[in-house]
Amino acid sequence: MGLLDDRLKGRRGVVVLIVTGVIAAVAAAAIVAWSDDTEDAAPNRPRDKLVEVVSRAGDFAVSAPDVLVGDQVGRGVKLTSQNDDLVITVAPSSEAGLRAGHAATLDVIRGTYPEMRVDREVGTTMGGLEARRSVGVVRRARGDQVLFSVTTAAQGRRTWSVVLFAARDIDPARLERFYQPVLDGFRVLR
Protein backbone atom coordinates (compact mmCIF):
# COMPACT_ATOMS: atom_id res chain seq x y z
CA MET A 1 0.00 0.00 0.00
CA GLY A 2 1.02 3.65 0.02
CA LEU A 3 3.28 5.59 2.39
CA LEU A 4 0.30 6.89 4.41
CA ASP A 5 -1.06 3.37 4.94
CA ASP A 6 2.36 2.15 6.15
CA ARG A 7 2.52 4.95 8.76
CA LEU A 8 -1.04 4.52 10.02
CA LYS A 9 -0.86 0.85 11.01
CA GLY A 10 -1.97 0.00 14.52
CA ARG A 11 -3.90 1.91 17.20
CA ARG A 12 -1.76 5.06 17.04
CA GLY A 13 -2.43 5.32 13.32
CA VAL A 14 -6.18 5.13 13.87
CA VAL A 15 -6.01 7.93 16.48
CA VAL A 16 -3.99 10.08 14.08
CA LEU A 17 -6.51 9.39 11.32
CA ILE A 18 -9.48 10.30 13.57
CA VAL A 19 -7.81 13.50 14.83
CA THR A 20 -6.96 14.49 11.26
CA GLY A 21 -10.58 13.87 10.25
CA VAL A 22 -11.90 15.98 13.13
CA ILE A 23 -9.52 18.83 12.31
CA ALA A 24 -10.56 18.68 8.65
CA ALA A 25 -14.26 18.75 9.62
CA VAL A 26 -13.73 21.74 11.95
CA ALA A 27 -11.74 23.56 9.26
CA ALA A 28 -14.46 22.90 6.68
CA ALA A 29 -17.13 24.19 9.08
CA ALA A 30 -15.06 27.31 9.74
CA ILE A 31 -14.68 27.96 6.01
CA VAL A 32 -18.42 27.57 5.47
CA ALA A 33 -19.19 29.88 8.42
CA TRP A 34 -16.67 32.45 7.16
CA SER A 35 -18.15 32.36 3.66
CA ASP A 36 -21.65 32.85 5.12
CA ASP A 37 -20.39 35.88 7.11
CA THR A 38 -18.72 37.23 4.00
CA GLU A 39 -21.98 36.94 2.07
CA ASP A 40 -23.83 38.81 4.84
CA ALA A 41 -21.35 41.66 4.58
CA ALA A 42 -21.70 41.89 0.81
CA PRO A 43 -23.21 45.28 -0.08
CA ASN A 44 -25.40 43.95 -2.91
CA ARG A 45 -26.94 41.11 -0.92
CA PRO A 46 -30.63 41.70 -0.13
CA ARG A 47 -31.04 42.50 3.52
CA ASP A 48 -34.02 42.82 5.75
CA LYS A 49 -37.38 43.81 4.40
CA LEU A 50 -37.83 47.56 4.77
CA VAL A 51 -41.01 49.01 6.22
CA GLU A 52 -42.07 52.63 6.25
CA VAL A 53 -42.39 54.22 9.67
CA VAL A 54 -44.36 57.46 9.69
CA SER A 55 -44.47 60.28 12.23
CA ARG A 56 -47.26 62.64 11.19
CA ALA A 57 -46.54 64.86 14.20
CA GLY A 58 -42.87 65.09 13.17
CA ASP A 59 -43.80 65.51 9.49
CA PHE A 60 -41.48 62.73 8.26
CA ALA A 61 -41.27 59.07 7.32
CA VAL A 62 -38.31 56.69 7.27
CA SER A 63 -37.66 53.26 5.84
CA ALA A 64 -36.44 50.85 8.51
CA PRO A 65 -35.48 47.18 8.53
CA ASP A 66 -38.49 45.18 9.73
CA VAL A 67 -36.36 43.47 12.39
CA LEU A 68 -36.19 46.73 14.37
CA VAL A 69 -38.88 47.40 16.98
CA GLY A 70 -40.49 50.83 16.55
CA ASP A 71 -42.11 53.11 19.12
CA GLN A 72 -43.62 56.57 18.81
CA VAL A 73 -41.75 59.01 21.07
CA GLY A 74 -43.31 62.46 21.09
CA ARG A 75 -43.00 63.79 17.53
CA GLY A 76 -40.31 61.22 16.72
CA VAL A 77 -39.82 57.50 16.42
CA LYS A 78 -37.46 55.18 18.24
CA LEU A 79 -36.17 52.02 16.52
CA THR A 80 -34.50 49.37 18.65
CA SER A 81 -32.67 46.16 17.73
CA GLN A 82 -34.08 42.99 19.24
CA ASN A 83 -31.07 42.53 21.53
CA ASP A 84 -30.96 46.23 22.50
CA ASP A 85 -27.39 46.78 21.27
CA LEU A 86 -28.55 49.55 18.94
CA VAL A 87 -31.14 52.35 19.21
CA ILE A 88 -32.00 54.83 16.46
CA THR A 89 -34.17 57.86 17.19
CA VAL A 90 -35.53 60.10 14.43
CA ALA A 91 -37.14 63.40 15.43
CA PRO A 92 -37.50 67.05 14.49
CA SER A 93 -34.75 69.23 15.90
CA SER A 94 -35.48 72.07 18.28
CA GLU A 95 -33.58 74.56 16.09
CA ALA A 96 -34.16 75.66 12.50
CA GLY A 97 -31.45 75.25 9.88
CA LEU A 98 -28.85 72.56 9.29
CA ARG A 99 -25.96 73.81 11.42
CA ALA A 100 -28.13 75.11 14.29
CA GLY A 101 -30.26 71.94 14.34
CA HIS A 102 -27.19 69.71 14.32
CA ALA A 103 -25.54 71.70 17.11
CA ALA A 104 -28.75 71.60 19.19
CA THR A 105 -28.97 67.82 18.90
CA LEU A 106 -25.32 67.44 19.93
CA ASP A 107 -25.95 69.78 22.88
CA VAL A 108 -28.81 67.54 24.07
CA ILE A 109 -26.49 64.52 23.99
CA ARG A 110 -23.70 66.48 25.69
CA GLY A 111 -26.12 67.48 28.47
CA THR A 112 -27.33 63.91 28.95
CA TYR A 113 -24.01 62.10 29.39
CA PRO A 114 -21.14 62.83 31.79
CA GLU A 115 -18.60 62.66 28.96
CA MET A 116 -18.90 63.06 25.19
CA ARG A 117 -16.24 62.99 22.50
CA VAL A 118 -16.91 63.85 18.85
CA ASP A 119 -14.34 61.98 16.76
CA ARG A 120 -15.43 63.03 13.29
CA GLU A 121 -17.82 65.44 11.59
CA VAL A 122 -18.60 65.25 7.87
CA GLY A 123 -21.04 66.48 5.27
CA THR A 124 -23.36 63.79 3.91
CA THR A 125 -26.93 63.30 2.72
CA MET A 126 -30.09 62.09 4.41
CA GLY A 127 -32.97 61.10 2.19
CA GLY A 128 -31.46 63.15 -0.63
CA LEU A 129 -31.17 66.28 1.54
CA GLU A 130 -27.89 67.91 2.45
CA ALA A 131 -26.93 66.69 5.92
CA ARG A 132 -24.27 66.91 8.61
CA ARG A 133 -23.01 63.86 10.56
CA SER A 134 -21.03 63.70 13.80
CA VAL A 135 -19.68 60.41 15.14
CA GLY A 136 -18.13 59.75 18.53
CA VAL A 137 -18.37 58.14 21.93
CA VAL A 138 -20.28 58.95 25.11
CA ARG A 139 -19.54 57.61 28.57
CA ARG A 140 -22.56 56.68 30.63
CA ALA A 141 -22.80 57.37 34.37
CA ARG A 142 -21.95 53.73 35.16
CA GLY A 143 -18.68 54.13 33.22
CA ASP A 144 -19.25 52.14 30.02
CA GLN A 145 -18.87 53.74 26.61
CA VAL A 146 -21.41 53.83 23.80
CA LEU A 147 -20.92 54.83 20.17
CA PHE A 148 -23.13 57.56 18.77
CA SER A 149 -23.84 59.07 15.40
CA VAL A 150 -25.96 62.15 14.76
CA THR A 151 -27.08 62.94 11.22
CA THR A 152 -29.10 66.11 10.70
CA ALA A 153 -30.87 67.40 7.59
CA ALA A 154 -32.95 70.48 6.92
CA GLN A 155 -35.55 71.57 4.44
CA GLY A 156 -36.28 75.26 4.62
CA ARG A 157 -36.62 76.13 8.30
CA ARG A 158 -37.51 72.57 9.32
CA THR A 159 -34.77 70.31 10.68
CA TRP A 160 -34.63 66.61 11.62
CA SER A 161 -31.97 64.48 13.29
CA VAL A 162 -31.33 60.75 13.22
CA VAL A 163 -29.47 59.74 16.37
CA LEU A 164 -27.86 56.32 16.74
CA PHE A 165 -26.52 54.82 19.97
CA ALA A 166 -24.79 51.44 19.76
CA ALA A 167 -22.75 49.12 21.92
CA ARG A 168 -19.06 49.93 21.66
CA ASP A 169 -18.20 46.44 20.36
CA ILE A 170 -20.95 46.25 17.74
CA ASP A 171 -19.99 44.88 14.35
CA PRO A 172 -19.67 47.74 11.79
CA ALA A 173 -21.66 45.68 9.26
CA ARG A 174 -24.55 45.61 11.76
CA LEU A 175 -24.41 49.39 12.08
CA GLU A 176 -24.56 49.75 8.32
CA ARG A 177 -27.36 47.19 8.09
CA PHE A 178 -29.66 49.16 10.39
CA TYR A 179 -28.56 52.80 10.24
CA GLN A 180 -28.04 53.38 6.52
CA PRO A 181 -31.55 52.34 5.38
CA VAL A 182 -33.04 54.81 7.88
CA LEU A 183 -30.84 57.62 6.57
CA ASP A 184 -31.45 56.76 2.92
CA GLY A 185 -35.18 56.20 3.47
CA PHE A 186 -35.86 59.50 5.25
CA ARG A 187 -38.47 61.68 3.59
CA VAL A 188 -40.40 64.81 4.48
CA LEU A 189 -44.18 64.35 4.39
CA ARG A 190 -45.18 67.86 3.33
C-alpha atoms as a PDB file:
ATOM      1  CA  MET A   1       0.000   0.000   0.000  1.00  0.00           C
ATOM      2  CA  GLY A   2       1.018   3.652   0.025  1.00  0.00           C
ATOM      3  CA  LEU A   3       3.277   5.586   2.391  1.00  0.00           C
ATOM      4  CA  LEU A   4       0.296   6.888   4.413  1.00  0.00           C
ATOM      5  CA  ASP A   5      -1.061   3.369   4.937  1.00  0.00           C
ATOM      6  CA  ASP A   6       2.356   2.152   6.154  1.00  0.00           C
ATOM      7  CA  ARG A   7       2.525   4.946   8.759  1.00  0.00           C
ATOM      8  CA  LEU A   8      -1.044   4.516  10.018  1.00  0.00           C
ATOM      9  CA  LYS A   9      -0.862   0.846  11.013  1.00  0.00           C
ATOM     10  CA  GLY A  10      -1.973   0.003  14.520  1.00  0.00           C
ATOM     11  CA  ARG A  11      -3.904   1.910  17.202  1.00  0.00           C
ATOM     12  CA  ARG A  12      -1.758   5.060  17.039  1.00  0.00           C
ATOM     13  CA  GLY A  13      -2.434   5.325  13.318  1.00  0.00           C
ATOM     14  CA  VAL A  14      -6.185   5.126  13.872  1.00  0.00           C
ATOM     15  CA  VAL A  15      -6.014   7.929  16.477  1.00  0.00           C
ATOM     16  CA  VAL A  16      -3.993  10.084  14.078  1.00  0.00           C
ATOM     17  CA  LEU A  17      -6.505   9.391  11.324  1.00  0.00           C
ATOM     18  CA  ILE A  18      -9.479  10.297  13.570  1.00  0.00           C
ATOM     19  CA  VAL A  19      -7.807  13.498  14.829  1.00  0.00           C
ATOM     20  CA  THR A  20      -6.958  14.485  11.258  1.00  0.00           C
ATOM     21  CA  GLY A  21     -10.578  13.872  10.247  1.00  0.00           C
ATOM     22  CA  VAL A  22     -11.904  15.977  13.131  1.00  0.00           C
ATOM     23  CA  ILE A  23      -9.521  18.832  12.305  1.00  0.00           C
ATOM     24  CA  ALA A  24     -10.564  18.682   8.650  1.00  0.00           C
ATOM     25  CA  ALA A  25     -14.262  18.747   9.621  1.00  0.00           C
ATOM     26  CA  VAL A  26     -13.729  21.741  11.948  1.00  0.00           C
ATOM     27  CA  ALA A  27     -11.743  23.561   9.260  1.00  0.00           C
ATOM     28  CA  ALA A  28     -14.464  22.896   6.684  1.00  0.00           C
ATOM     29  CA  ALA A  29     -17.134  24.188   9.084  1.00  0.00           C
ATOM     30  CA  ALA A  30     -15.063  27.314   9.741  1.00  0.00           C
ATOM     31  CA  ILE A  31     -14.678  27.962   6.011  1.00  0.00           C
ATOM     32  CA  VAL A  32     -18.423  27.569   5.473  1.00  0.00           C
ATOM     33  CA  ALA A  33     -19.189  29.883   8.422  1.00  0.00           C
ATOM     34  CA  TRP A  34     -16.673  32.449   7.159  1.00  0.00           C
ATOM     35  CA  SER A  35     -18.151  32.362   3.660  1.00  0.00           C
ATOM     36  CA  ASP A  36     -21.648  32.854   5.124  1.00  0.00           C
ATOM     37  CA  ASP A  37     -20.393  35.876   7.113  1.00  0.00           C
ATOM     38  CA  THR A  38     -18.720  37.234   4.000  1.00  0.00           C
ATOM     39  CA  GLU A  39     -21.975  36.936   2.073  1.00  0.00           C
ATOM     40  CA  ASP A  40     -23.835  38.808   4.841  1.00  0.00           C
ATOM     41  CA  ALA A  41     -21.355  41.658   4.582  1.00  0.00           C
ATOM     42  CA  ALA A  42     -21.695  41.892   0.807  1.00  0.00           C
ATOM     43  CA  PRO A  43     -23.212  45.279  -0.077  1.00  0.00           C
ATOM     44  CA  ASN A  44     -25.400  43.948  -2.911  1.00  0.00           C
ATOM     45  CA  ARG A  45     -26.945  41.111  -0.925  1.00  0.00           C
ATOM     46  CA  PRO A  46     -30.626  41.701  -0.128  1.00  0.00           C
ATOM     47  CA  ARG A  47     -31.037  42.502   3.520  1.00  0.00           C
ATOM     48  CA  ASP A  48     -34.023  42.824   5.752  1.00  0.00           C
ATOM     49  CA  LYS A  49     -37.377  43.806   4.399  1.00  0.00           C
ATOM     50  CA  LEU A  50     -37.833  47.559   4.766  1.00  0.00           C
ATOM     51  CA  VAL A  51     -41.011  49.006   6.216  1.00  0.00           C
ATOM     52  CA  GLU A  52     -42.065  52.631   6.251  1.00  0.00           C
ATOM     53  CA  VAL A  53     -42.385  54.219   9.672  1.00  0.00           C
ATOM     54  CA  VAL A  54     -44.360  57.464   9.695  1.00  0.00           C
ATOM     55  CA  SER A  55     -44.472  60.283  12.227  1.00  0.00           C
ATOM     56  CA  ARG A  56     -47.259  62.642  11.189  1.00  0.00           C
ATOM     57  CA  ALA A  57     -46.542  64.858  14.201  1.00  0.00           C
ATOM     58  CA  GLY A  58     -42.870  65.086  13.174  1.00  0.00           C
ATOM     59  CA  ASP A  59     -43.797  65.508   9.492  1.00  0.00           C
ATOM     60  CA  PHE A  60     -41.482  62.732   8.256  1.00  0.00           C
ATOM     61  CA  ALA A  61     -41.272  59.072   7.320  1.00  0.00           C
ATOM     62  CA  VAL A  62     -38.313  56.686   7.269  1.00  0.00           C
ATOM     63  CA  SER A  63     -37.659  53.260   5.842  1.00  0.00           C
ATOM     64  CA  ALA A  64     -36.440  50.850   8.506  1.00  0.00           C
ATOM     65  CA  PRO A  65     -35.483  47.184   8.531  1.00  0.00           C
ATOM     66  CA  ASP A  66     -38.488  45.180   9.732  1.00  0.00           C
ATOM     67  CA  VAL A  67     -36.364  43.468  12.395  1.00  0.00           C
ATOM     68  CA  LEU A  68     -36.189  46.728  14.371  1.00  0.00           C
ATOM     69  CA  VAL A  69     -38.877  47.399  16.975  1.00  0.00           C
ATOM     70  CA  GLY A  70     -40.489  50.826  16.546  1.00  0.00           C
ATOM     71  CA  ASP A  71     -42.113  53.111  19.121  1.00  0.00           C
ATOM     72  CA  GLN A  72     -43.617  56.570  18.813  1.00  0.00           C
ATOM     73  CA  VAL A  73     -41.750  59.012  21.069  1.00  0.00           C
ATOM     74  CA  GLY A  74     -43.313  62.457  21.087  1.00  0.00           C
ATOM     75  CA  ARG A  75     -43.003  63.793  17.528  1.00  0.00           C
ATOM     76  CA  GLY A  76     -40.314  61.216  16.720  1.00  0.00           C
ATOM     77  CA  VAL A  77     -39.819  57.498  16.416  1.00  0.00           C
ATOM     78  CA  LYS A  78     -37.457  55.178  18.240  1.00  0.00           C
ATOM     79  CA  LEU A  79     -36.173  52.024  16.516  1.00  0.00           C
ATOM     80  CA  THR A  80     -34.498  49.368  18.649  1.00  0.00           C
ATOM     81  CA  SER A  81     -32.674  46.162  17.733  1.00  0.00           C
ATOM     82  CA  GLN A  82     -34.075  42.988  19.243  1.00  0.00           C
ATOM     83  CA  ASN A  83     -31.065  42.527  21.531  1.00  0.00           C
ATOM     84  CA  ASP A  84     -30.961  46.232  22.502  1.00  0.00           C
ATOM     85  CA  ASP A  85     -27.385  46.777  21.266  1.00  0.00           C
ATOM     86  CA  LEU A  86     -28.550  49.551  18.941  1.00  0.00           C
ATOM     87  CA  VAL A  87     -31.141  52.348  19.212  1.00  0.00           C
ATOM     88  CA  ILE A  88     -31.998  54.833  16.465  1.00  0.00           C
ATOM     89  CA  THR A  89     -34.173  57.864  17.188  1.00  0.00           C
ATOM     90  CA  VAL A  90     -35.528  60.104  14.433  1.00  0.00           C
ATOM     91  CA  ALA A  91     -37.144  63.395  15.435  1.00  0.00           C
ATOM     92  CA  PRO A  92     -37.495  67.046  14.492  1.00  0.00           C
ATOM     93  CA  SER A  93     -34.749  69.232  15.899  1.00  0.00           C
ATOM     94  CA  SER A  94     -35.481  72.074  18.282  1.00  0.00           C
ATOM     95  CA  GLU A  95     -33.576  74.556  16.089  1.00  0.00           C
ATOM     96  CA  ALA A  96     -34.156  75.658  12.499  1.00  0.00           C
ATOM     97  CA  GLY A  97     -31.445  75.250   9.882  1.00  0.00           C
ATOM     98  CA  LEU A  98     -28.852  72.555   9.290  1.00  0.00           C
ATOM     99  CA  ARG A  99     -25.965  73.805  11.421  1.00  0.00           C
ATOM    100  CA  ALA A 100     -28.126  75.110  14.290  1.00  0.00           C
ATOM    101  CA  GLY A 101     -30.257  71.944  14.344  1.00  0.00           C
ATOM    102  CA  HIS A 102     -27.192  69.713  14.322  1.00  0.00           C
ATOM    103  CA  ALA A 103     -25.539  71.703  17.111  1.00  0.00           C
ATOM    104  CA  ALA A 104     -28.752  71.602  19.193  1.00  0.00           C
ATOM    105  CA  THR A 105     -28.968  67.817  18.904  1.00  0.00           C
ATOM    106  CA  LEU A 106     -25.315  67.445  19.926  1.00  0.00           C
ATOM    107  CA  ASP A 107     -25.955  69.775  22.883  1.00  0.00           C
ATOM    108  CA  VAL A 108     -28.814  67.542  24.071  1.00  0.00           C
ATOM    109  CA  ILE A 109     -26.490  64.516  23.990  1.00  0.00           C
ATOM    110  CA  ARG A 110     -23.697  66.477  25.688  1.00  0.00           C
ATOM    111  CA  GLY A 111     -26.118  67.483  28.467  1.00  0.00           C
ATOM    112  CA  THR A 112     -27.335  63.910  28.953  1.00  0.00           C
ATOM    113  CA  TYR A 113     -24.009  62.095  29.389  1.00  0.00           C
ATOM    114  CA  PRO A 114     -21.141  62.831  31.794  1.00  0.00           C
ATOM    115  CA  GLU A 115     -18.598  62.664  28.964  1.00  0.00           C
ATOM    116  CA  MET A 116     -18.904  63.056  25.194  1.00  0.00           C
ATOM    117  CA  ARG A 117     -16.237  62.990  22.500  1.00  0.00           C
ATOM    118  CA  VAL A 118     -16.907  63.846  18.848  1.00  0.00           C
ATOM    119  CA  ASP A 119     -14.344  61.982  16.757  1.00  0.00           C
ATOM    120  CA  ARG A 120     -15.434  63.033  13.291  1.00  0.00           C
ATOM    121  CA  GLU A 121     -17.817  65.445  11.592  1.00  0.00           C
ATOM    122  CA  VAL A 122     -18.604  65.250   7.867  1.00  0.00           C
ATOM    123  CA  GLY A 123     -21.039  66.481   5.267  1.00  0.00           C
ATOM    124  CA  THR A 124     -23.357  63.788   3.905  1.00  0.00           C
ATOM    125  CA  THR A 125     -26.929  63.302   2.718  1.00  0.00           C
ATOM    126  CA  MET A 126     -30.090  62.094   4.415  1.00  0.00           C
ATOM    127  CA  GLY A 127     -32.972  61.098   2.186  1.00  0.00           C
ATOM    128  CA  GLY A 128     -31.463  63.154  -0.625  1.00  0.00           C
ATOM    129  CA  LEU A 129     -31.172  66.281   1.538  1.00  0.00           C
ATOM    130  CA  GLU A 130     -27.886  67.914   2.448  1.00  0.00           C
ATOM    131  CA  ALA A 131     -26.925  66.688   5.919  1.00  0.00           C
ATOM    132  CA  ARG A 132     -24.273  66.909   8.609  1.00  0.00           C
ATOM    133  CA  ARG A 133     -23.009  63.857  10.557  1.00  0.00           C
ATOM    134  CA  SER A 134     -21.031  63.697  13.805  1.00  0.00           C
ATOM    135  CA  VAL A 135     -19.677  60.414  15.142  1.00  0.00           C
ATOM    136  CA  GLY A 136     -18.132  59.750  18.528  1.00  0.00           C
ATOM    137  CA  VAL A 137     -18.366  58.143  21.934  1.00  0.00           C
ATOM    138  CA  VAL A 138     -20.279  58.953  25.110  1.00  0.00           C
ATOM    139  CA  ARG A 139     -19.542  57.610  28.567  1.00  0.00           C
ATOM    140  CA  ARG A 140     -22.564  56.682  30.633  1.00  0.00           C
ATOM    141  CA  ALA A 141     -22.804  57.368  34.374  1.00  0.00           C
ATOM    142  CA  ARG A 142     -21.949  53.733  35.155  1.00  0.00           C
ATOM    143  CA  GLY A 143     -18.681  54.127  33.216  1.00  0.00           C
ATOM    144  CA  ASP A 144     -19.248  52.141  30.023  1.00  0.00           C
ATOM    145  CA  GLN A 145     -18.872  53.745  26.615  1.00  0.00           C
ATOM    146  CA  VAL A 146     -21.408  53.827  23.802  1.00  0.00           C
ATOM    147  CA  LEU A 147     -20.918  54.829  20.174  1.00  0.00           C
ATOM    148  CA  PHE A 148     -23.129  57.560  18.767  1.00  0.00           C
ATOM    149  CA  SER A 149     -23.841  59.072  15.396  1.00  0.00           C
ATOM    150  CA  VAL A 150     -25.962  62.151  14.756  1.00  0.00           C
ATOM    151  CA  THR A 151     -27.078  62.939  11.218  1.00  0.00           C
ATOM    152  CA  THR A 152     -29.099  66.111  10.698  1.00  0.00           C
ATOM    153  CA  ALA A 153     -30.873  67.400   7.592  1.00  0.00           C
ATOM    154  CA  ALA A 154     -32.953  70.476   6.919  1.00  0.00           C
ATOM    155  CA  GLN A 155     -35.555  71.575   4.436  1.00  0.00           C
ATOM    156  CA  GLY A 156     -36.278  75.260   4.625  1.00  0.00           C
ATOM    157  CA  ARG A 157     -36.623  76.134   8.303  1.00  0.00           C
ATOM    158  CA  ARG A 158     -37.507  72.574   9.316  1.00  0.00           C
ATOM    159  CA  THR A 159     -34.768  70.314  10.678  1.00  0.00           C
ATOM    160  CA  TRP A 160     -34.634  66.608  11.625  1.00  0.00           C
ATOM    161  CA  SER A 161     -31.969  64.485  13.291  1.00  0.00           C
ATOM    162  CA  VAL A 162     -31.331  60.747  13.224  1.00  0.00           C
ATOM    163  CA  VAL A 163     -29.470  59.738  16.374  1.00  0.00           C
ATOM    164  CA  LEU A 164     -27.862  56.317  16.739  1.00  0.00           C
ATOM    165  CA  PHE A 165     -26.522  54.815  19.965  1.00  0.00           C
ATOM    166  CA  ALA A 166     -24.789  51.438  19.756  1.00  0.00           C
ATOM    167  CA  ALA A 167     -22.752  49.116  21.919  1.00  0.00           C
ATOM    168  CA  ARG A 168     -19.056  49.929  21.659  1.00  0.00           C
ATOM    169  CA  ASP A 169     -18.199  46.437  20.365  1.00  0.00           C
ATOM    170  CA  ILE A 170     -20.947  46.252  17.741  1.00  0.00           C
ATOM    171  CA  ASP A 171     -19.987  44.875  14.350  1.00  0.00           C
ATOM    172  CA  PRO A 172     -19.670  47.736  11.789  1.00  0.00           C
ATOM    173  CA  ALA A 173     -21.663  45.676   9.257  1.00  0.00           C
ATOM    174  CA  ARG A 174     -24.548  45.611  11.762  1.00  0.00           C
ATOM    175  CA  LEU A 175     -24.406  49.393  12.078  1.00  0.00           C
ATOM    176  CA  GLU A 176     -24.556  49.749   8.323  1.00  0.00           C
ATOM    177  CA  ARG A 177     -27.362  47.188   8.086  1.00  0.00           C
ATOM    178  CA  PHE A 178     -29.663  49.157  10.391  1.00  0.00           C
ATOM    179  CA  TYR A 179     -28.558  52.803  10.240  1.00  0.00           C
ATOM    180  CA  GLN A 180     -28.035  53.384   6.520  1.00  0.00           C
ATOM    181  CA  PRO A 181     -31.550  52.337   5.379  1.00  0.00           C
ATOM    182  CA  VAL A 182     -33.039  54.805   7.882  1.00  0.00           C
ATOM    183  CA  LEU A 183     -30.838  57.622   6.573  1.00  0.00           C
ATOM    184  CA  ASP A 184     -31.446  56.755   2.921  1.00  0.00           C
ATOM    185  CA  GLY A 185     -35.176  56.196   3.471  1.00  0.00           C
ATOM    186  CA  PHE A 186     -35.858  59.498   5.251  1.00  0.00           C
ATOM    187  CA  ARG A 187     -38.471  61.682   3.587  1.00  0.00           C
ATOM    188  CA  VAL A 188     -40.402  64.806   4.476  1.00  0.00           C
ATOM    189  CA  LEU A 189     -44.184  64.352   4.391  1.00  0.00           C
ATOM    190  CA  ARG A 190     -45.183  67.863   3.333  1.00  0.00           C
END
